[in-house]
C-alpha cells in the first residue's frame, strides 16, 4: 500500500512547478487507484486467511471431512480473490484516466 501511495508523488514531482487544477485531479486519481488496490488486498488477504483457517480447523477436528471441505474452500478462495482482481481492474481504469 505504501508503494501505491509513493508512486503518484514521484510521478508528479517534476510537474509541481506548474501545478494546476488538472494536476490535482490526476493526483487524486492516482491516490484513489493506490488506495483502491491497497484496501482490497488487505481485505482479500484477511478473508482468505480466515476461510483457510476455518477449513483447516474443520479438517483437524474431523479428518474424514477433508474431501467435503476442500472443494468449497477452493471455490470460496477463488471468489474472494476475484474481488481483489476487480479492484485491480478498477485501479487500472483510474490510472488510465490520468492524462
PDB file of N, CA and C in Angstrom:
ATOM      1  N   UNK A   1       0.833  -1.176   0.000  1.00  0.00           N
ATOM      2  CA  UNK A   1       0.000   0.000   0.000  1.00  0.00           C
ATOM      3  C   UNK A   1       0.879   1.241   0.000  1.00  0.00           C
ATOM      4  N   UNK A   2       2.005   1.171   0.682  1.00  0.00           N
ATOM      5  CA  UNK A   2       2.908   2.307   0.720  1.00  0.00           C
ATOM      6  C   UNK A   2       3.441   2.602  -0.669  1.00  0.00           C
ATOM      7  N   UNK A   3       3.721   1.565  -1.448  1.00  0.00           N
ATOM      8  CA  UNK A   3       4.194   1.748  -2.819  1.00  0.00           C
ATOM      9  C   UNK A   3       3.139   2.467  -3.653  1.00  0.00           C
ATOM     10  N   UNK A   4       1.882   2.097  -3.468  1.00  0.00           N
ATOM     11  CA  UNK A   4       0.802   2.740  -4.210  1.00  0.00           C
ATOM     12  C   UNK A   4       0.628   4.199  -3.855  1.00  0.00           C
ATOM     13  N   UNK A   5       1.029   4.580  -2.655  1.00  0.00           N
ATOM     14  CA  UNK A   5       0.936   5.979  -2.265  1.00  0.00           C
ATOM     15  C   UNK A   5       2.154   6.781  -2.691  1.00  0.00           C
ATOM     16  N   UNK A   6       3.316   6.134  -2.814  1.00  0.00           N
ATOM     17  CA  UNK A   6       4.531   6.857  -3.163  1.00  0.00           C
ATOM     18  C   UNK A   6       4.704   7.046  -4.661  1.00  0.00           C
ATOM     19  N   UNK A   7       4.186   6.153  -5.463  1.00  0.00           N
ATOM     20  CA  UNK A   7       4.347   6.258  -6.910  1.00  0.00           C
ATOM     21  C   UNK A   7       3.719   7.541  -7.462  1.00  0.00           C
ATOM     22  N   UNK A   8       2.487   7.913  -7.070  1.00  0.00           N
ATOM     23  CA  UNK A   8       1.934   9.161  -7.607  1.00  0.00           C
ATOM     24  C   UNK A   8       2.744  10.394  -7.212  1.00  0.00           C
ATOM     25  N   UNK A   9       3.299  10.392  -6.018  1.00  0.00           N
ATOM     26  CA  UNK A   9       4.093  11.536  -5.585  1.00  0.00           C
ATOM     27  C   UNK A   9       5.321  11.675  -6.465  1.00  0.00           C
ATOM     28  N   UNK A  10       5.990  10.568  -6.765  1.00  0.00           N
ATOM     29  CA  UNK A  10       7.166  10.619  -7.629  1.00  0.00           C
ATOM     30  C   UNK A  10       6.780  10.954  -9.066  1.00  0.00           C
ATOM     31  N   UNK A  11       5.631  10.489  -9.507  1.00  0.00           N
ATOM     32  CA  UNK A  11       5.214  10.735 -10.881  1.00  0.00           C
ATOM     33  C   UNK A  11       4.895  12.204 -11.124  1.00  0.00           C
ATOM     34  N   UNK A  12       4.394  12.885 -10.105  1.00  0.00           N
ATOM     35  CA  UNK A  12       4.007  14.279 -10.267  1.00  0.00           C
ATOM     36  C   UNK A  12       5.021  15.245  -9.671  1.00  0.00           C
ATOM     37  N   UNK A  13       6.194  14.767  -9.296  1.00  0.00           N
ATOM     38  CA  UNK A  13       7.180  15.635  -8.664  1.00  0.00           C
ATOM     39  C   UNK A  13       7.714  16.681  -9.633  1.00  0.00           C
ATOM     40  N   UNK A  14       7.932  16.318 -10.886  1.00  0.00           N
ATOM     41  CA  UNK A  14       8.513  17.273 -11.821  1.00  0.00           C
ATOM     42  C   UNK A  14       7.497  18.282 -12.335  1.00  0.00           C
ATOM     43  N   UNK A  15       6.207  18.019 -12.184  1.00  0.00           N
ATOM     44  CA  UNK A  15       5.194  18.969 -12.633  1.00  0.00           C
ATOM     45  C   UNK A  15       4.685  19.839 -11.496  1.00  0.00           C
ATOM     46  N   UNK A  16       5.349  19.803 -10.349  1.00  0.00           N
ATOM     47  CA  UNK A  16       4.873  20.578  -9.209  1.00  0.00           C
ATOM     48  C   UNK A  16       4.993  22.075  -9.448  1.00  0.00           C
ATOM     49  N   UNK A  17       5.938  22.501 -10.269  1.00  0.00           N
ATOM     50  CA  UNK A  17       6.115  23.929 -10.525  1.00  0.00           C
ATOM     51  C   UNK A  17       4.945  24.499 -11.314  1.00  0.00           C
ATOM     52  N   UNK A  18       4.355  23.711 -12.176  1.00  0.00           N
ATOM     53  CA  UNK A  18       3.226  24.176 -12.982  1.00  0.00           C
ATOM     54  C   UNK A  18       1.943  23.501 -12.522  1.00  0.00           C
ATOM     55  N   UNK A  19       1.736  23.469 -11.230  1.00  0.00           N
ATOM     56  CA  UNK A  19       0.572  22.782 -10.681  1.00  0.00           C
ATOM     57  C   UNK A  19      -0.692  23.554 -11.030  1.00  0.00           C
ATOM     58  N   UNK A  20      -1.641  22.851 -11.608  1.00  0.00           N
ATOM     59  CA  UNK A  20      -2.931  23.427 -11.935  1.00  0.00           C
ATOM     60  C   UNK A  20      -4.028  22.528 -11.410  1.00  0.00           C
ATOM     61  N   UNK A  21      -5.242  22.842 -11.783  1.00  0.00           N
ATOM     62  CA  UNK A  21      -6.376  22.036 -11.337  1.00  0.00           C
ATOM     63  C   UNK A  21      -6.301  20.631 -11.911  1.00  0.00           C
ATOM     64  N   UNK A  22      -5.780  20.510 -13.137  1.00  0.00           N
ATOM     65  CA  UNK A  22      -5.678  19.201 -13.774  1.00  0.00           C
ATOM     66  C   UNK A  22      -4.681  18.305 -13.045  1.00  0.00           C
ATOM     67  N   UNK A  23      -3.618  18.901 -12.530  1.00  0.00           N
ATOM     68  CA  UNK A  23      -2.618  18.125 -11.801  1.00  0.00           C
ATOM     69  C   UNK A  23      -3.204  17.564 -10.515  1.00  0.00           C
ATOM     70  N   UNK A  24      -4.006  18.369  -9.830  1.00  0.00           N
ATOM     71  CA  UNK A  24      -4.618  17.888  -8.590  1.00  0.00           C
ATOM     72  C   UNK A  24      -5.648  16.800  -8.870  1.00  0.00           C
ATOM     73  N   UNK A  25      -6.341  16.922  -9.998  1.00  0.00           N
ATOM     74  CA  UNK A  25      -7.277  15.860 -10.386  1.00  0.00           C
ATOM     75  C   UNK A  25      -6.518  14.558 -10.642  1.00  0.00           C
ATOM     76  N   UNK A  26      -5.404  14.666 -11.362  1.00  0.00           N
ATOM     77  CA  UNK A  26      -4.599  13.475 -11.651  1.00  0.00           C
ATOM     78  C   UNK A  26      -4.018  12.880 -10.379  1.00  0.00           C
ATOM     79  N   UNK A  27      -3.588  13.736  -9.468  1.00  0.00           N
ATOM     80  CA  UNK A  27      -3.054  13.248  -8.199  1.00  0.00           C
ATOM     81  C   UNK A  27      -4.131  12.512  -7.412  1.00  0.00           C
ATOM     82  N   UNK A  28      -5.352  13.050  -7.416  1.00  0.00           N
ATOM     83  CA  UNK A  28      -6.460  12.379  -6.737  1.00  0.00           C
ATOM     84  C   UNK A  28      -6.781  11.032  -7.351  1.00  0.00           C
ATOM     85  N   UNK A  29      -6.749  10.968  -8.689  1.00  0.00           N
ATOM     86  CA  UNK A  29      -6.995   9.686  -9.358  1.00  0.00           C
ATOM     87  C   UNK A  29      -5.910   8.669  -9.031  1.00  0.00           C
ATOM     88  N   UNK A  30      -4.664   9.126  -9.002  1.00  0.00           N
ATOM     89  CA  UNK A  30      -3.564   8.207  -8.700  1.00  0.00           C
ATOM     90  C   UNK A  30      -3.636   7.718  -7.259  1.00  0.00           C
ATOM     91  N   UNK A  31      -3.935   8.621  -6.336  1.00  0.00           N
ATOM     92  CA  UNK A  31      -4.075   8.197  -4.939  1.00  0.00           C
ATOM     93  C   UNK A  31      -5.275   7.277  -4.761  1.00  0.00           C
ATOM     94  N   UNK A  32      -6.363   7.562  -5.479  1.00  0.00           N
ATOM     95  CA  UNK A  32      -7.536   6.692  -5.415  1.00  0.00           C
ATOM     96  C   UNK A  32      -7.242   5.296  -5.931  1.00  0.00           C
ATOM     97  N   UNK A  33      -6.476   5.220  -7.011  1.00  0.00           N
ATOM     98  CA  UNK A  33      -6.113   3.910  -7.557  1.00  0.00           C
ATOM     99  C   UNK A  33      -5.241   3.141  -6.574  1.00  0.00           C
ATOM    100  N   UNK A  34      -4.284   3.828  -5.959  1.00  0.00           N
ATOM    101  CA  UNK A  34      -3.418   3.168  -4.977  1.00  0.00           C
ATOM    102  C   UNK A  34      -4.181   2.702  -3.756  1.00  0.00           C
ATOM    103  N   UNK A  35      -5.078   3.545  -3.263  1.00  0.00           N
ATOM    104  CA  UNK A  35      -5.874   3.155  -2.097  1.00  0.00           C
ATOM    105  C   UNK A  35      -6.848   2.036  -2.433  1.00  0.00           C
ATOM    106  N   UNK A  36      -7.420   2.055  -3.636  1.00  0.00           N
ATOM    107  CA  UNK A  36      -8.374   1.011  -4.019  1.00  0.00           C
ATOM    108  C   UNK A  36      -7.726  -0.362  -3.983  1.00  0.00           C
ATOM    109  N   UNK A  37      -6.563  -0.480  -4.572  1.00  0.00           N
ATOM    110  CA  UNK A  37      -5.922  -1.798  -4.602  1.00  0.00           C
ATOM    111  C   UNK A  37      -5.357  -2.147  -3.235  1.00  0.00           C
ATOM    112  N   UNK A  38      -4.869  -1.156  -2.493  1.00  0.00           N
ATOM    113  CA  UNK A  38      -4.312  -1.431  -1.167  1.00  0.00           C
ATOM    114  C   UNK A  38      -5.354  -1.953  -0.195  1.00  0.00           C
ATOM    115  N   UNK A  39      -6.499  -1.300  -0.149  1.00  0.00           N
ATOM    116  CA  UNK A  39      -7.564  -1.729   0.762  1.00  0.00           C
ATOM    117  C   UNK A  39      -8.135  -3.073   0.319  1.00  0.00           C
ATOM    118  N   UNK A  40      -8.266  -3.278  -0.992  1.00  0.00           N
ATOM    119  CA  UNK A  40      -8.788  -4.555  -1.487  1.00  0.00           C
ATOM    120  C   UNK A  40      -7.860  -5.707  -1.147  1.00  0.00           C
ATOM    121  N   UNK A  41      -6.564  -5.478  -1.244  1.00  0.00           N
ATOM    122  CA  UNK A  41      -5.605  -6.543  -0.932  1.00  0.00           C
ATOM    123  C   UNK A  41      -5.647  -6.878   0.552  1.00  0.00           C
ATOM    124  N   UNK A  42      -5.748  -5.866   1.396  1.00  0.00           N
ATOM    125  CA  UNK A  42      -5.819  -6.122   2.840  1.00  0.00           C
ATOM    126  C   UNK A  42      -7.075  -6.923   3.173  1.00  0.00           C
ATOM    127  N   UNK A  43      -8.214  -6.511   2.620  1.00  0.00           N
ATOM    128  CA  UNK A  43      -9.460  -7.230   2.886  1.00  0.00           C
ATOM    129  C   UNK A  43      -9.459  -8.638   2.320  1.00  0.00           C
ATOM    130  N   UNK A  44      -8.941  -8.794   1.110  1.00  0.00           N
ATOM    131  CA  UNK A  44      -8.895 -10.121   0.488  1.00  0.00           C
ATOM    132  C   UNK A  44      -7.985 -11.075   1.233  1.00  0.00           C
ATOM    133  N   UNK A  45      -6.823 -10.582   1.654  1.00  0.00           N
ATOM    134  CA  UNK A  45      -5.893 -11.441   2.398  1.00  0.00           C
ATOM    135  C   UNK A  45      -6.484 -11.838   3.743  1.00  0.00           C
ATOM    136  N   UNK A  46      -7.161 -10.905   4.392  1.00  0.00           N
ATOM    137  CA  UNK A  46      -7.798 -11.215   5.672  1.00  0.00           C
ATOM    138  C   UNK A  46      -8.902 -12.260   5.485  1.00  0.00           C
ATOM    139  N   UNK A  47      -9.718 -12.101   4.457  1.00  0.00           N
ATOM    140  CA  UNK A  47     -10.789 -13.064   4.193  1.00  0.00           C
ATOM    141  C   UNK A  47     -10.268 -14.438   3.823  1.00  0.00           C
ATOM    142  N   UNK A  48      -9.231 -14.481   3.000  1.00  0.00           N
ATOM    143  CA  UNK A  48      -8.662 -15.769   2.619  1.00  0.00           C
ATOM    144  C   UNK A  48      -8.020 -16.459   3.811  1.00  0.00           C
ATOM    145  N   UNK A  49      -7.375 -15.698   4.654  1.00  0.00           N
ATOM    146  CA  UNK A  49      -6.760 -16.291   5.845  1.00  0.00           C
ATOM    147  C   UNK A  49      -7.791 -16.900   6.775  1.00  0.00           C
ATOM    148  N   UNK A  50      -8.892 -16.176   6.989  1.00  0.00           N
ATOM    149  CA  UNK A  50      -9.947 -16.695   7.867  1.00  0.00           C
ATOM    150  C   UNK A  50     -10.637 -17.914   7.259  1.00  0.00           C
ATOM    151  N   UNK A  51     -10.857 -17.896   5.944  1.00  0.00           N
ATOM    152  CA  UNK A  51     -11.504 -19.039   5.291  1.00  0.00           C
ATOM    153  C   UNK A  51     -10.623 -20.279   5.357  1.00  0.00           C
ATOM    154  N   UNK A  52      -9.342 -20.109   5.089  1.00  0.00           N
ATOM    155  CA  UNK A  52      -8.429 -21.252   5.142  1.00  0.00           C
ATOM    156  C   UNK A  52      -8.282 -21.760   6.569  1.00  0.00           C
ATOM    157  N   UNK A  53      -8.224 -20.851   7.537  1.00  0.00           N
ATOM    158  CA  UNK A  53      -8.098 -21.274   8.934  1.00  0.00           C
ATOM    159  C   UNK A  53      -9.324 -22.058   9.384  1.00  0.00           C
ATOM    160  N   UNK A  54     -10.508 -21.603   8.985  1.00  0.00           N
ATOM    161  CA  UNK A  54     -11.727 -22.311   9.371  1.00  0.00           C
ATOM    162  C   UNK A  54     -11.791 -23.692   8.717  1.00  0.00           C
ATOM    163  N   UNK A  55     -11.399 -23.782   7.449  1.00  0.00           N
ATOM    164  CA  UNK A  55     -11.419 -25.081   6.771  1.00  0.00           C
ATOM    165  C   UNK A  55     -10.404 -26.036   7.384  1.00  0.00           C
ATOM    166  N   UNK A  56      -9.217 -25.544   7.678  1.00  0.00           N
ATOM    167  CA  UNK A  56      -8.202 -26.415   8.281  1.00  0.00           C
ATOM    168  C   UNK A  56      -8.579 -26.820   9.701  1.00  0.00           C
ATOM    169  N   UNK A  57      -9.255 -25.940  10.417  1.00  0.00           N
ATOM    170  CA  UNK A  57      -9.717 -26.314  11.757  1.00  0.00           C
ATOM    171  C   UNK A  57     -10.779 -27.413  11.664  1.00  0.00           C
ATOM    172  N   UNK A  58     -11.673 -27.300  10.677  1.00  0.00           N
ATOM    173  CA  UNK A  58     -12.678 -28.342  10.476  1.00  0.00           C
ATOM    174  C   UNK A  58     -12.055 -29.666  10.074  1.00  0.00           C
ATOM    175  N   UNK A  59     -11.039 -29.614   9.229  1.00  0.00           N
ATOM    176  CA  UNK A  59     -10.344 -30.843   8.831  1.00  0.00           C
ATOM    177  C   UNK A  59      -9.591 -31.427  10.017  1.00  0.00           C
ATOM    178  N   UNK A  60      -9.035 -30.574  10.860  1.00  0.00           N
ATOM    179  CA  UNK A  60      -8.312 -31.056  12.037  1.00  0.00           C
ATOM    180  C   UNK A  60      -9.232 -31.750  13.026  1.00  0.00           C
ATOM    181  N   UNK A  61     -10.446 -31.246  13.163  1.00  0.00           N
ATOM    182  CA  UNK A  61     -11.397 -31.870  14.091  1.00  0.00           C
ATOM    183  C   UNK A  61     -11.991 -33.152  13.520  1.00  0.00           C
ATOM    184  N   UNK A  62     -12.198 -33.170  12.202  1.00  0.00           N
ATOM    185  CA  UNK A  62     -12.793 -34.335  11.556  1.00  0.00           C
ATOM    186  C   UNK A  62     -12.034 -34.614  10.257  1.00  0.00           C
ATOM    187  N   UNK A  63     -10.945 -35.379  10.325  1.00  0.00           N
ATOM    188  CA  UNK A  63     -10.146 -35.629   9.116  1.00  0.00           C
ATOM    189  C   UNK A  63     -10.917 -36.323   7.996  1.00  0.00           C
ATOM    190  N   UNK A  64     -11.968 -37.011   8.324  1.00  0.00           N
ATOM    191  CA  UNK A  64     -12.768 -37.685   7.301  1.00  0.00           C
ATOM    192  C   UNK A  64     -13.546 -36.706   6.425  1.00  0.00           C
ATOM    193  N   UNK A  65     -13.709 -35.475   6.893  1.00  0.00           N
ATOM    194  CA  UNK A  65     -14.464 -34.476   6.131  1.00  0.00           C
ATOM    195  C   UNK A  65     -13.581 -33.650   5.209  1.00  0.00           C
ATOM    196  N   UNK A  66     -12.322 -34.039   5.076  1.00  0.00           N
ATOM    197  CA  UNK A  66     -11.395 -33.252   4.254  1.00  0.00           C
ATOM    198  C   UNK A  66     -11.859 -33.175   2.803  1.00  0.00           C
ATOM    199  N   UNK A  67     -12.375 -34.276   2.261  1.00  0.00           N
ATOM    200  CA  UNK A  67     -12.834 -34.268   0.871  1.00  0.00           C
ATOM    201  C   UNK A  67     -14.049 -33.363   0.683  1.00  0.00           C
ATOM    202  N   UNK A  68     -14.914 -33.304   1.703  1.00  0.00           N
ATOM    203  CA  UNK A  68     -16.113 -32.473   1.599  1.00  0.00           C
ATOM    204  C   UNK A  68     -15.813 -30.991   1.818  1.00  0.00           C
ATOM    205  N   UNK A  69     -14.736 -30.673   2.495  1.00  0.00           N
ATOM    206  CA  UNK A  69     -14.400 -29.279   2.777  1.00  0.00           C
ATOM    207  C   UNK A  69     -13.466 -28.668   1.739  1.00  0.00           C
ATOM    208  N   UNK A  70     -12.729 -29.488   1.028  1.00  0.00           N
ATOM    209  CA  UNK A  70     -11.689 -28.960   0.139  1.00  0.00           C
ATOM    210  C   UNK A  70     -12.268 -28.159  -1.031  1.00  0.00           C
ATOM    211  N   UNK A  71     -13.230 -28.722  -1.746  1.00  0.00           N
ATOM    212  CA  UNK A  71     -13.777 -28.056  -2.936  1.00  0.00           C
ATOM    213  C   UNK A  71     -14.501 -26.756  -2.570  1.00  0.00           C
ATOM    214  N   UNK A  72     -15.380 -26.742  -1.553  1.00  0.00           N
ATOM    215  CA  UNK A  72     -15.998 -25.453  -1.198  1.00  0.00           C
ATOM    216  C   UNK A  72     -14.983 -24.411  -0.729  1.00  0.00           C
ATOM    217  N   UNK A  73     -13.914 -24.857  -0.064  1.00  0.00           N
ATOM    218  CA  UNK A  73     -12.895 -23.904   0.367  1.00  0.00           C
ATOM    219  C   UNK A  73     -12.206 -23.287  -0.847  1.00  0.00           C
ATOM    220  N   UNK A  74     -11.849 -24.096  -1.842  1.00  0.00           N
ATOM    221  CA  UNK A  74     -11.185 -23.580  -3.039  1.00  0.00           C
ATOM    222  C   UNK A  74     -12.113 -22.632  -3.799  1.00  0.00           C
ATOM    223  N   UNK A  75     -13.390 -22.966  -3.902  1.00  0.00           N
ATOM    224  CA  UNK A  75     -14.344 -22.080  -4.578  1.00  0.00           C
ATOM    225  C   UNK A  75     -14.477 -20.765  -3.815  1.00  0.00           C
ATOM    226  N   UNK A  76     -14.549 -20.838  -2.499  1.00  0.00           N
ATOM    227  CA  UNK A  76     -14.621 -19.620  -1.689  1.00  0.00           C
ATOM    228  C   UNK A  76     -13.385 -18.752  -1.837  1.00  0.00           C
ATOM    229  N   UNK A  77     -12.211 -19.378  -1.851  1.00  0.00           N
ATOM    230  CA  UNK A  77     -10.976 -18.614  -2.034  1.00  0.00           C
ATOM    231  C   UNK A  77     -10.929 -17.966  -3.414  1.00  0.00           C
ATOM    232  N   UNK A  78     -11.429 -18.658  -4.425  1.00  0.00           N
ATOM    233  CA  UNK A  78     -11.448 -18.082  -5.777  1.00  0.00           C
ATOM    234  C   UNK A  78     -12.395 -16.888  -5.844  1.00  0.00           C
ATOM    235  N   UNK A  79     -13.541 -16.976  -5.171  1.00  0.00           N
ATOM    236  CA  UNK A  79     -14.474 -15.851  -5.167  1.00  0.00           C
ATOM    237  C   UNK A  79     -13.908 -14.657  -4.410  1.00  0.00           C
ATOM    238  N   UNK A  80     -13.206 -14.916  -3.316  1.00  0.00           N
ATOM    239  CA  UNK A  80     -12.570 -13.824  -2.575  1.00  0.00           C
ATOM    240  C   UNK A  80     -11.497 -13.172  -3.438  1.00  0.00           C
ATOM    241  N   UNK A  81     -10.716 -13.978  -4.128  1.00  0.00           N
ATOM    242  CA  UNK A  81      -9.646 -13.439  -4.969  1.00  0.00           C
ATOM    243  C   UNK A  81     -10.209 -12.664  -6.154  1.00  0.00           C
ATOM    244  N   UNK A  82     -11.396 -13.055  -6.636  1.00  0.00           N
ATOM    245  CA  UNK A  82     -11.984 -12.331  -7.765  1.00  0.00           C
ATOM    246  C   UNK A  82     -12.315 -10.895  -7.378  1.00  0.00           C
ATOM    247  N   UNK A  83     -12.696 -10.653  -6.138  1.00  0.00           N
ATOM    248  CA  UNK A  83     -12.965  -9.285  -5.699  1.00  0.00           C
ATOM    249  C   UNK A  83     -11.699  -8.442  -5.724  1.00  0.00           C
ATOM    250  N   UNK A  84     -10.577  -9.037  -5.364  1.00  0.00           N
ATOM    251  CA  UNK A  84      -9.300  -8.311  -5.414  1.00  0.00           C
ATOM    252  C   UNK A  84      -8.922  -8.025  -6.866  1.00  0.00           C
ATOM    253  N   UNK A  85      -9.190  -8.962  -7.757  1.00  0.00           N
ATOM    254  CA  UNK A  85      -8.888  -8.744  -9.177  1.00  0.00           C
ATOM    255  C   UNK A  85      -9.773  -7.637  -9.742  1.00  0.00           C
ATOM    256  N   UNK A  86     -11.055  -7.579  -9.328  1.00  0.00           N
ATOM    257  CA  UNK A  86     -11.922  -6.482  -9.762  1.00  0.00           C
ATOM    258  C   UNK A  86     -11.387  -5.144  -9.272  1.00  0.00           C
ATOM    259  N   UNK A  87     -10.890  -5.089  -8.048  1.00  0.00           N
ATOM    260  CA  UNK A  87     -10.301  -3.850  -7.534  1.00  0.00           C
ATOM    261  C   UNK A  87      -9.062  -3.470  -8.336  1.00  0.00           C
ATOM    262  N   UNK A  88      -8.283  -4.460  -8.753  1.00  0.00           N
ATOM    263  CA  UNK A  88      -7.115  -4.177  -9.592  1.00  0.00           C
ATOM    264  C   UNK A  88      -7.546  -3.595 -10.937  1.00  0.00           C
ATOM    265  N   UNK A  89      -8.612  -4.130 -11.522  1.00  0.00           N
ATOM    266  CA  UNK A  89      -9.113  -3.588 -12.785  1.00  0.00           C
ATOM    267  C   UNK A  89      -9.606  -2.155 -12.613  1.00  0.00           C
ATOM    268  N   UNK A  90     -10.285  -1.869 -11.510  1.00  0.00           N
ATOM    269  CA  UNK A  90     -10.739  -0.506 -11.242  1.00  0.00           C
ATOM    270  C   UNK A  90      -9.547   0.423 -11.065  1.00  0.00           C
ATOM    271  N   UNK A  91      -8.511  -0.052 -10.383  1.00  0.00           N
ATOM    272  CA  UNK A  91      -7.305   0.765 -10.222  1.00  0.00           C
ATOM    273  C   UNK A  91      -6.660   1.036 -11.578  1.00  0.00           C
ATOM    274  N   UNK A  92      -6.636   0.053 -12.474  1.00  0.00           N
ATOM    275  CA  UNK A  92      -6.096   0.273 -13.816  1.00  0.00           C
ATOM    276  C   UNK A  92      -6.937   1.293 -14.588  1.00  0.00           C
ATOM    277  N   UNK A  93      -8.272   1.217 -14.433  1.00  0.00           N
ATOM    278  CA  UNK A  93      -9.127   2.180 -15.119  1.00  0.00           C
ATOM    279  C   UNK A  93      -8.898   3.595 -14.588  1.00  0.00           C
ATOM    280  N   UNK A  94      -8.755   3.730 -13.276  1.00  0.00           N
ATOM    281  CA  UNK A  94      -8.460   5.051 -12.713  1.00  0.00           C
ATOM    282  C   UNK A  94      -7.105   5.550 -13.181  1.00  0.00           C
ATOM    283  N   UNK A  95      -6.138   4.657 -13.245  1.00  0.00           N
ATOM    284  CA  UNK A  95      -4.801   5.038 -13.701  1.00  0.00           C
ATOM    285  C   UNK A  95      -4.826   5.445 -15.176  1.00  0.00           C
ATOM    286  N   UNK A  96      -5.700   4.825 -15.959  1.00  0.00           N
ATOM    287  CA  UNK A  96      -5.826   5.170 -17.369  1.00  0.00           C
ATOM    288  C   UNK A  96      -6.445   6.534 -17.602  1.00  0.00           C
ATOM    289  N   UNK A  97      -7.186   7.067 -16.628  1.00  0.00           N
ATOM    290  CA  UNK A  97      -7.787   8.392 -16.765  1.00  0.00           C
ATOM    291  C   UNK A  97      -6.802   9.511 -16.485  1.00  0.00           C
ATOM    292  N   UNK A  98      -5.625   9.167 -15.983  1.00  0.00           N
ATOM    293  CA  UNK A  98      -4.625  10.191 -15.698  1.00  0.00           C
ATOM    294  C   UNK A  98      -4.040  10.661 -17.024  1.00  0.00           C
ATOM    295  N   UNK A  99      -4.114  11.963 -17.262  1.00  0.00           N
ATOM    296  CA  UNK A  99      -3.614  12.494 -18.544  1.00  0.00           C
ATOM    297  C   UNK A  99      -2.175  12.945 -18.447  1.00  0.00           C
TER     298      UNK A  99
END
